[in-house]
N, C-alpha and C. Protein backbone atom coordinates (compact mmCIF):
# COMPACT_ATOMS: atom_id res chain seq x y z
N MET A 1 0.85 -1.82 0.02
CA MET A 1 -0.04 0.14 0.36
C MET A 1 0.87 1.36 -0.09
N ALA A 2 0.87 2.14 -0.53
CA ALA A 2 1.64 3.44 -1.13
C ALA A 2 1.28 4.49 0.03
N THR A 3 1.80 4.69 0.57
CA THR A 3 1.36 6.11 1.51
C THR A 3 1.35 7.70 0.53
N GLN A 4 0.37 8.37 1.47
CA GLN A 4 0.28 9.32 0.57
C GLN A 4 1.53 10.75 1.36
N LEU A 5 2.37 11.74 0.58
CA LEU A 5 2.67 12.48 1.00
C LEU A 5 2.30 13.15 1.05
N ARG A 6 2.53 14.26 1.54
CA ARG A 6 1.30 16.21 1.49
C ARG A 6 2.26 17.13 1.96
N ILE A 7 2.14 17.70 0.03
CA ILE A 7 3.44 18.68 0.40
C ILE A 7 2.19 19.53 -0.25
N VAL A 8 2.51 21.34 0.40
CA VAL A 8 2.12 22.69 0.11
C VAL A 8 3.20 23.49 -0.24
N LEU A 9 2.41 24.09 -1.93
CA LEU A 9 3.53 25.68 -1.30
C LEU A 9 3.01 26.82 -1.15
N TRP A 10 3.70 26.91 -0.42
CA TRP A 10 3.24 28.54 -0.02
C TRP A 10 4.25 30.15 -0.06
N ASN A 11 3.50 31.41 -0.82
CA ASN A 11 4.19 32.32 -0.86
C ASN A 11 3.81 33.21 0.62
N ALA A 12 5.43 33.07 1.57
CA ALA A 12 5.52 33.55 2.34
C ALA A 12 5.56 34.83 2.56
N ASN A 13 5.40 35.50 1.43
CA ASN A 13 6.34 38.06 1.79
C ASN A 13 6.04 37.89 3.25
N GLY A 14 7.77 36.72 3.33
CA GLY A 14 8.58 37.48 4.60
C GLY A 14 7.87 36.99 5.51
N LEU A 15 8.91 35.36 5.64
CA LEU A 15 9.26 33.88 6.46
C LEU A 15 8.74 34.50 8.39
N ALA A 16 9.30 35.16 7.78
CA ALA A 16 9.99 35.11 10.07
C ALA A 16 7.97 35.61 9.99
N ARG A 17 7.72 36.22 9.96
CA ARG A 17 6.65 37.43 9.98
C ARG A 17 4.82 36.26 10.63
N HIS A 18 5.13 34.87 9.43
CA HIS A 18 4.25 33.71 9.76
C HIS A 18 4.77 33.07 10.24
N THR A 19 5.48 33.04 10.86
CA THR A 19 6.37 31.61 11.43
C THR A 19 5.21 30.66 12.07
N GLU A 20 4.16 31.94 13.04
CA GLU A 20 3.30 31.13 13.78
C GLU A 20 2.03 30.32 12.89
N GLU A 21 1.89 31.16 11.83
CA GLU A 21 0.67 30.91 11.41
C GLU A 21 0.76 29.20 10.93
N ILE A 22 2.05 29.34 9.92
CA ILE A 22 2.85 28.80 9.31
C ILE A 22 2.88 26.96 10.17
N LYS A 23 3.41 27.50 11.73
CA LYS A 23 3.28 25.68 12.18
C LYS A 23 2.31 25.62 12.41
N THR A 24 1.07 26.59 12.40
CA THR A 24 -0.08 25.83 12.66
C THR A 24 -0.71 24.58 11.13
N TYR A 25 -0.65 25.88 10.52
CA TYR A 25 -1.40 24.56 9.46
C TYR A 25 -0.36 23.50 9.32
N LEU A 26 1.22 23.90 9.18
CA LEU A 26 1.55 22.20 9.40
C LEU A 26 1.15 21.02 10.01
N ARG A 27 0.89 21.80 11.26
CA ARG A 27 0.26 21.15 12.71
C ARG A 27 -1.10 20.67 12.46
N LEU A 28 -2.25 20.95 11.89
CA LEU A 28 -3.28 20.95 11.43
C LEU A 28 -3.79 20.30 10.11
N GLN A 29 -2.98 20.61 9.09
CA GLN A 29 -3.18 19.63 8.07
C GLN A 29 -2.37 18.21 7.65
N ASN A 30 -1.53 18.57 8.69
CA ASN A 30 -0.49 17.25 9.03
C ASN A 30 0.25 17.31 7.47
N VAL A 31 1.26 18.17 7.03
CA VAL A 31 1.75 18.32 5.52
C VAL A 31 3.16 18.05 6.05
N ASP A 32 3.47 17.33 4.70
CA ASP A 32 4.56 16.48 4.95
C ASP A 32 5.89 16.96 4.61
N ALA A 33 5.92 18.03 3.54
CA ALA A 33 6.97 19.16 3.42
C ALA A 33 6.05 20.35 3.07
N MET A 34 6.81 21.05 3.25
CA MET A 34 6.52 22.72 2.98
C MET A 34 7.62 24.00 1.77
N LEU A 35 6.98 24.14 0.61
CA LEU A 35 7.68 24.64 0.01
C LEU A 35 7.70 25.86 -0.58
N ILE A 36 7.85 27.06 -0.20
CA ILE A 36 8.07 28.08 0.47
C ILE A 36 9.39 29.46 -0.55
N SER A 37 8.09 30.30 -1.09
CA SER A 37 8.81 31.10 -2.02
C SER A 37 8.71 32.51 -1.03
N GLU A 38 9.63 33.49 -1.06
CA GLU A 38 9.50 34.68 -0.87
C GLU A 38 10.34 34.42 0.41
N THR A 39 10.76 33.53 1.13
CA THR A 39 11.08 33.70 2.87
C THR A 39 11.90 35.42 3.07
N HIS A 40 12.31 36.14 2.09
CA HIS A 40 13.50 37.27 2.87
C HIS A 40 13.90 36.83 4.32
N PHE A 41 15.05 36.11 4.09
CA PHE A 41 15.46 35.57 4.42
C PHE A 41 16.62 36.18 4.84
N THR A 42 17.92 36.73 5.14
CA THR A 42 18.83 37.50 5.65
C THR A 42 19.86 36.55 6.47
N ALA A 43 21.37 37.25 6.28
CA ALA A 43 22.41 36.02 7.32
C ALA A 43 21.49 36.43 9.09
N LYS A 44 20.87 37.11 9.18
CA LYS A 44 20.92 37.55 10.51
C LYS A 44 19.24 37.11 10.52
N SER A 45 17.94 36.74 10.42
CA SER A 45 17.32 35.32 10.02
C SER A 45 16.60 34.40 9.66
N SER A 46 16.24 33.96 10.57
CA SER A 46 15.98 32.65 10.07
C SER A 46 14.00 32.09 11.32
N ILE A 47 14.24 30.29 11.24
CA ILE A 47 13.26 30.40 11.71
C ILE A 47 13.62 29.05 12.19
N ARG A 48 13.36 28.24 13.25
CA ARG A 48 13.02 26.87 14.52
C ARG A 48 11.85 25.91 14.45
N MET A 49 11.23 25.09 14.57
CA MET A 49 10.37 24.68 14.36
C MET A 49 10.34 22.26 14.45
N SER A 50 10.27 22.27 16.37
CA SER A 50 10.07 21.16 15.73
C SER A 50 9.97 20.26 15.23
N HIS A 51 10.08 18.94 14.79
CA HIS A 51 9.57 18.11 14.24
C HIS A 51 10.31 18.28 13.28
N TYR A 52 10.34 19.59 12.53
CA TYR A 52 10.57 19.81 10.99
C TYR A 52 12.02 20.17 10.84
N SER A 53 12.23 19.83 9.43
CA SER A 53 14.07 20.24 9.24
C SER A 53 13.82 21.67 8.41
N ILE A 54 14.31 22.66 8.33
CA ILE A 54 14.55 23.64 7.10
C ILE A 54 15.84 23.79 6.16
N TYR A 55 15.53 24.07 5.33
CA TYR A 55 16.69 24.39 4.70
C TYR A 55 16.52 25.41 3.56
N ASP A 56 17.15 26.60 3.81
CA ASP A 56 16.64 28.16 2.49
C ASP A 56 17.75 27.90 2.61
N ASN A 57 17.73 29.46 1.88
CA ASN A 57 18.67 29.97 1.37
C ASN A 57 18.57 31.55 1.40
N GLN A 58 19.86 32.76 0.84
CA GLN A 58 19.51 33.56 1.92
C GLN A 58 20.88 34.55 0.49
N GLN A 59 19.84 35.53 0.50
CA GLN A 59 20.17 36.69 -1.00
C GLN A 59 21.85 37.35 -0.89
N PRO A 60 22.27 36.68 -1.17
CA PRO A 60 23.49 36.68 -1.84
C PRO A 60 24.42 38.11 -1.29
N ASP A 61 23.02 39.82 -1.75
CA ASP A 61 23.93 41.09 -1.15
C ASP A 61 23.32 40.94 -0.17
N GLY A 62 22.74 39.96 1.07
CA GLY A 62 22.36 40.37 2.27
C GLY A 62 21.31 41.20 2.55
N THR A 63 19.68 41.40 1.50
CA THR A 63 18.93 41.71 1.63
C THR A 63 17.95 41.07 2.09
N ALA A 64 16.46 41.58 1.88
CA ALA A 64 15.88 41.24 2.44
C ALA A 64 14.51 41.12 1.88
N HIS A 65 15.05 40.14 1.18
CA HIS A 65 13.93 39.73 -0.40
C HIS A 65 14.07 38.43 -1.05
N GLY A 66 12.60 38.04 -1.83
CA GLY A 66 13.18 36.33 -2.73
C GLY A 66 13.41 35.76 -1.54
N ARG A 67 14.29 34.77 -2.60
CA ARG A 67 14.79 34.14 -1.57
C ARG A 67 13.22 32.52 -1.79
N THR A 68 14.03 31.11 -1.01
CA THR A 68 13.06 29.70 -0.57
C THR A 68 13.55 29.64 0.62
N ALA A 69 12.49 28.35 0.72
CA ALA A 69 12.92 27.30 1.87
C ALA A 69 12.50 25.63 1.93
N ILE A 70 12.48 25.08 2.10
CA ILE A 70 11.84 24.08 2.07
C ILE A 70 11.92 23.28 3.82
N ILE A 71 10.60 23.32 4.14
CA ILE A 71 9.96 23.15 5.57
C ILE A 71 10.23 21.07 4.94
N ILE A 72 10.17 20.11 5.38
CA ILE A 72 10.14 19.22 5.42
C ILE A 72 10.07 17.74 7.39
N LYS A 73 9.32 17.33 7.39
CA LYS A 73 9.05 16.43 8.79
C LYS A 73 10.60 15.57 8.91
N LYS A 74 11.31 15.52 10.46
CA LYS A 74 11.54 15.11 10.32
C LYS A 74 11.91 13.55 10.24
N THR A 75 11.08 13.19 10.17
CA THR A 75 10.56 11.84 10.25
C THR A 75 10.92 11.28 8.71
N ILE A 76 11.19 12.05 7.96
CA ILE A 76 11.60 11.69 6.09
C ILE A 76 13.06 11.73 5.96
N SER A 77 13.58 10.53 5.28
CA SER A 77 14.22 10.67 5.63
C SER A 77 14.82 10.79 3.99
N ILE A 78 15.46 11.39 4.27
CA ILE A 78 16.22 12.69 2.69
C ILE A 78 17.77 12.93 3.19
N THR A 79 18.06 13.24 0.84
CA THR A 79 20.04 13.39 1.43
C THR A 79 19.90 14.76 0.29
N THR A 80 21.18 15.09 1.50
CA THR A 80 21.20 16.70 0.62
C THR A 80 22.26 16.70 -0.39
N SER A 81 22.04 17.58 -0.91
CA SER A 81 23.08 18.09 -1.74
C SER A 81 23.75 19.51 -2.15
N THR A 82 24.98 19.68 -2.36
CA THR A 82 24.95 21.36 -2.67
C THR A 82 24.82 21.30 -3.68
N VAL A 83 23.95 22.76 -3.75
CA VAL A 83 23.06 23.56 -5.40
C VAL A 83 23.93 24.77 -5.11
N ILE A 84 25.03 24.64 -6.30
CA ILE A 84 24.76 26.48 -6.89
C ILE A 84 24.15 26.78 -6.81
N THR A 85 24.12 28.31 -6.53
CA THR A 85 23.13 29.40 -7.48
C THR A 85 23.55 30.42 -7.79
N ALA A 86 23.54 30.79 -9.09
CA ALA A 86 23.82 32.28 -9.60
C ALA A 86 23.44 33.03 -8.99
């Protein structure tokens, strides 16, 4: 029997200010992975969530706009590799 994987795409327009909303959504909807655009992360901003691993990238110029993140349940086994972005 196949296991269903629940994946969600979210345009955050600033992830740090929506952290509690996203935590609630992940829990209530039992989401396995969330793909997030427009995180606006910089080297000084980040979030943490219990039961989830967060993989993100930051603006190379240090400004808060654009960028992406992936939030994945820690119970899901993944393999990561280095990705070079232009």
